[in-house]
Each structure stands twice: as structure tokens, then as C-alpha cells.
Amino acid sequence: MVKCSSKYSARDLRYTITIQRKTRASDGMGGFTEMWSAGDDVRAMWKPLSGSEAYRAMRISPEARVVSVIRFRGDANGAPYYITGDRVQFRGRTYNIEAVIDVDGAQDWLELALVEGRPS
């Protein structure tokens, strides 16, 4: 019998999230316009961590912190494909990626540390 020692399993991936990347498109006059790609839909685990409010620029700004776990996806060098400049959309809300962590360094799972309420 094979014993799995991984921290996560496929049955934990109950939700679908969209991971988007900022891209540049030529505006036809020598400049460019930044926009978000359509994104990749991936299965994920969703764990809310905390929420807070802060008084910034003469208004109250809410902030929510979440950890999302997805299957590892790497580039040609084996580094995680997703980066901190990307963002996640889940149930109509947008979260910025603060950190991308390869769990146990085994290239099986990625933990995405997310924050909502901060500009990207």
C-alpha cells in the first residue's frame, strides 16, 4: 500500500478560481495599454485567514487575507509559473498575489498568499 505524505490532496480542490496576468498591447501610436488576460481557470482550495480595516486617505479601507492552494504549474526552468504580479478572481472578487510558495519544494502544490483591498 502506498502512503501519501503530502500536505494536501486532490479532494481538497473544491473551488474554481481564475488567475489573470497583466499584459501590454500596442495602442498604435508608439505606446501601450496595460490590461488583464482572460486568465487560467484552475481548481483550488480556499482558506480565509483574516480580515481588517484601516483608515487610509481619509476613508476606511477593508482588507482580507486568504491562502489558496493549487496544483503546481512550472515554467521551463521548473520555477512556479504564477508570480506576484498576477491576480486571482473568485466569486466576483479580486485578490492580489503577495507570495507564491512551492509547498515542501516537491513541485506538487503551490500556496498562493492573497490579499484583497490593496492596489496591484
Protein backbone atom coordinates (compact mmCIF):
# COMPACT_ATOMS: atom_id res chain seq x y z
CA MET A 1 0.00 0.00 0.00
CA VAL A 2 1.32 3.42 -0.95
CA LYS A 3 1.28 6.02 1.80
CA CYS A 4 0.87 9.60 0.66
CA SER A 5 2.79 12.08 2.80
CA SER A 6 1.62 15.20 1.01
CA LYS A 7 0.08 18.02 3.00
CA TYR A 8 -2.83 18.32 0.51
CA SER A 9 -4.87 16.01 -1.68
CA ALA A 10 -6.91 16.42 -4.88
CA ARG A 11 -10.20 16.17 -2.95
CA ASP A 12 -9.30 19.47 -1.20
CA LEU A 13 -9.57 21.35 -4.53
CA ARG A 14 -13.27 22.18 -4.25
CA TYR A 15 -13.39 25.60 -5.92
CA THR A 16 -12.53 27.10 -9.30
CA ILE A 17 -10.50 30.31 -9.35
CA THR A 18 -9.28 32.42 -12.26
CA ILE A 19 -5.64 33.55 -12.29
CA GLN A 20 -5.01 36.56 -14.52
CA ARG A 21 -1.78 38.12 -15.77
CA LYS A 22 -1.23 41.76 -16.73
CA THR A 23 -0.33 42.12 -20.41
CA ARG A 24 0.66 45.00 -22.66
CA ALA A 25 -0.93 45.77 -26.01
CA SER A 26 0.23 48.35 -28.53
CA ASP A 27 -2.04 51.38 -28.79
CA GLY A 28 -0.98 52.06 -32.39
CA MET A 29 0.76 55.34 -31.59
CA GLY A 30 4.05 54.10 -30.17
CA GLY A 31 2.74 53.49 -26.67
CA PHE A 32 0.97 50.62 -24.98
CA THR A 33 -2.06 49.86 -22.87
CA GLU A 34 -1.99 47.50 -19.88
CA MET A 35 -4.86 45.05 -19.46
CA TRP A 36 -5.55 41.77 -17.68
CA SER A 37 -5.57 38.50 -19.64
CA ALA A 38 -8.67 36.31 -19.76
CA GLY A 39 -6.92 34.05 -17.25
CA ASP A 40 -6.49 30.40 -16.38
CA ASP A 41 -9.33 28.60 -14.58
CA VAL A 42 -7.80 26.22 -12.03
CA ARG A 43 -9.16 24.05 -9.23
CA ALA A 44 -8.16 25.33 -5.80
CA MET A 45 -8.54 25.06 -2.06
CA TRP A 46 -9.68 28.31 -0.42
CA LYS A 47 -8.75 29.18 3.18
CA PRO A 48 -9.72 32.63 4.54
CA LEU A 49 -7.17 33.80 7.13
CA SER A 50 -8.11 37.23 8.43
CA GLY A 51 -9.81 40.50 7.72
CA SER A 52 -9.14 44.03 8.91
CA GLU A 53 -9.92 47.66 8.30
CA ALA A 54 -7.52 50.59 8.14
CA TYR A 55 -8.04 54.34 7.94
CA ARG A 56 -6.22 55.45 4.78
CA ALA A 57 -6.54 58.64 2.76
CA MET A 58 -9.43 59.85 4.90
CA ARG A 59 -11.51 56.70 4.37
CA ILE A 60 -11.83 53.21 5.80
CA SER A 61 -10.18 50.53 3.64
CA PRO A 62 -11.10 46.88 4.24
CA GLU A 63 -8.50 44.17 3.68
CA ALA A 64 -8.98 40.38 3.55
CA ARG A 65 -6.19 37.77 3.59
CA VAL A 66 -6.61 34.33 2.04
CA VAL A 67 -4.44 31.31 1.20
CA SER A 68 -5.35 29.37 -1.91
CA VAL A 69 -3.72 26.04 -2.78
CA ILE A 70 -3.45 24.83 -6.38
CA ARG A 71 -1.56 22.10 -8.21
CA PHE A 72 1.99 23.06 -9.18
CA ARG A 73 2.49 24.56 -12.62
CA GLY A 74 6.04 25.44 -13.59
CA ASP A 75 7.88 27.14 -16.40
CA ALA A 76 10.67 25.57 -18.49
CA ASN A 77 13.16 26.06 -15.63
CA GLY A 78 10.94 24.42 -13.00
CA ALA A 79 10.08 27.69 -11.26
CA PRO A 80 6.42 28.36 -10.44
CA TYR A 81 4.56 29.76 -13.45
CA TYR A 82 2.46 32.22 -11.43
CA ILE A 83 4.11 35.34 -9.99
CA THR A 84 3.31 38.10 -7.51
CA GLY A 85 2.25 40.46 -10.31
CA ASP A 86 -0.71 38.20 -11.16
CA ARG A 87 -4.15 38.36 -9.57
CA VAL A 88 -6.92 35.92 -8.65
CA GLN A 89 -10.64 36.29 -9.19
CA PHE A 90 -13.02 34.25 -7.06
CA ARG A 91 -16.78 34.71 -6.75
CA GLY A 92 -16.72 38.20 -8.25
CA ARG A 93 -13.92 39.48 -6.02
CA THR A 94 -10.32 40.28 -6.98
CA TYR A 95 -7.28 39.33 -4.88
CA ASN A 96 -3.65 40.31 -5.48
CA ILE A 97 -0.99 37.62 -5.13
CA GLU A 98 1.52 38.55 -2.41
CA ALA A 99 3.54 35.32 -2.42
CA VAL A 100 3.80 32.06 -4.39
CA ILE A 101 5.16 29.19 -2.28
CA ASP A 102 6.19 25.74 -3.53
CA VAL A 103 4.96 23.53 -0.68
CA ASP A 104 7.77 21.24 0.57
CA GLY A 105 9.80 22.09 -2.55
CA ALA A 106 8.36 18.97 -4.18
CA GLN A 107 6.70 20.73 -7.14
CA ASP A 108 3.33 19.19 -6.27
CA TRP A 109 1.40 22.09 -4.74
CA LEU A 110 1.54 25.90 -4.78
CA GLU A 111 0.27 28.07 -1.95
CA LEU A 112 -0.85 31.50 -3.10
CA ALA A 113 -0.91 34.15 -0.37
CA LEU A 114 -3.66 36.55 -1.44
CA VAL A 115 -4.85 39.94 -0.25
CA GLU A 116 -7.99 41.82 -1.23
CA GLY A 117 -8.25 45.55 -0.84
CA ARG A 118 -4.76 46.64 -1.86
CA PRO A 119 -3.92 48.08 -5.27
CA SER A 120 -1.84 45.87 -7.56
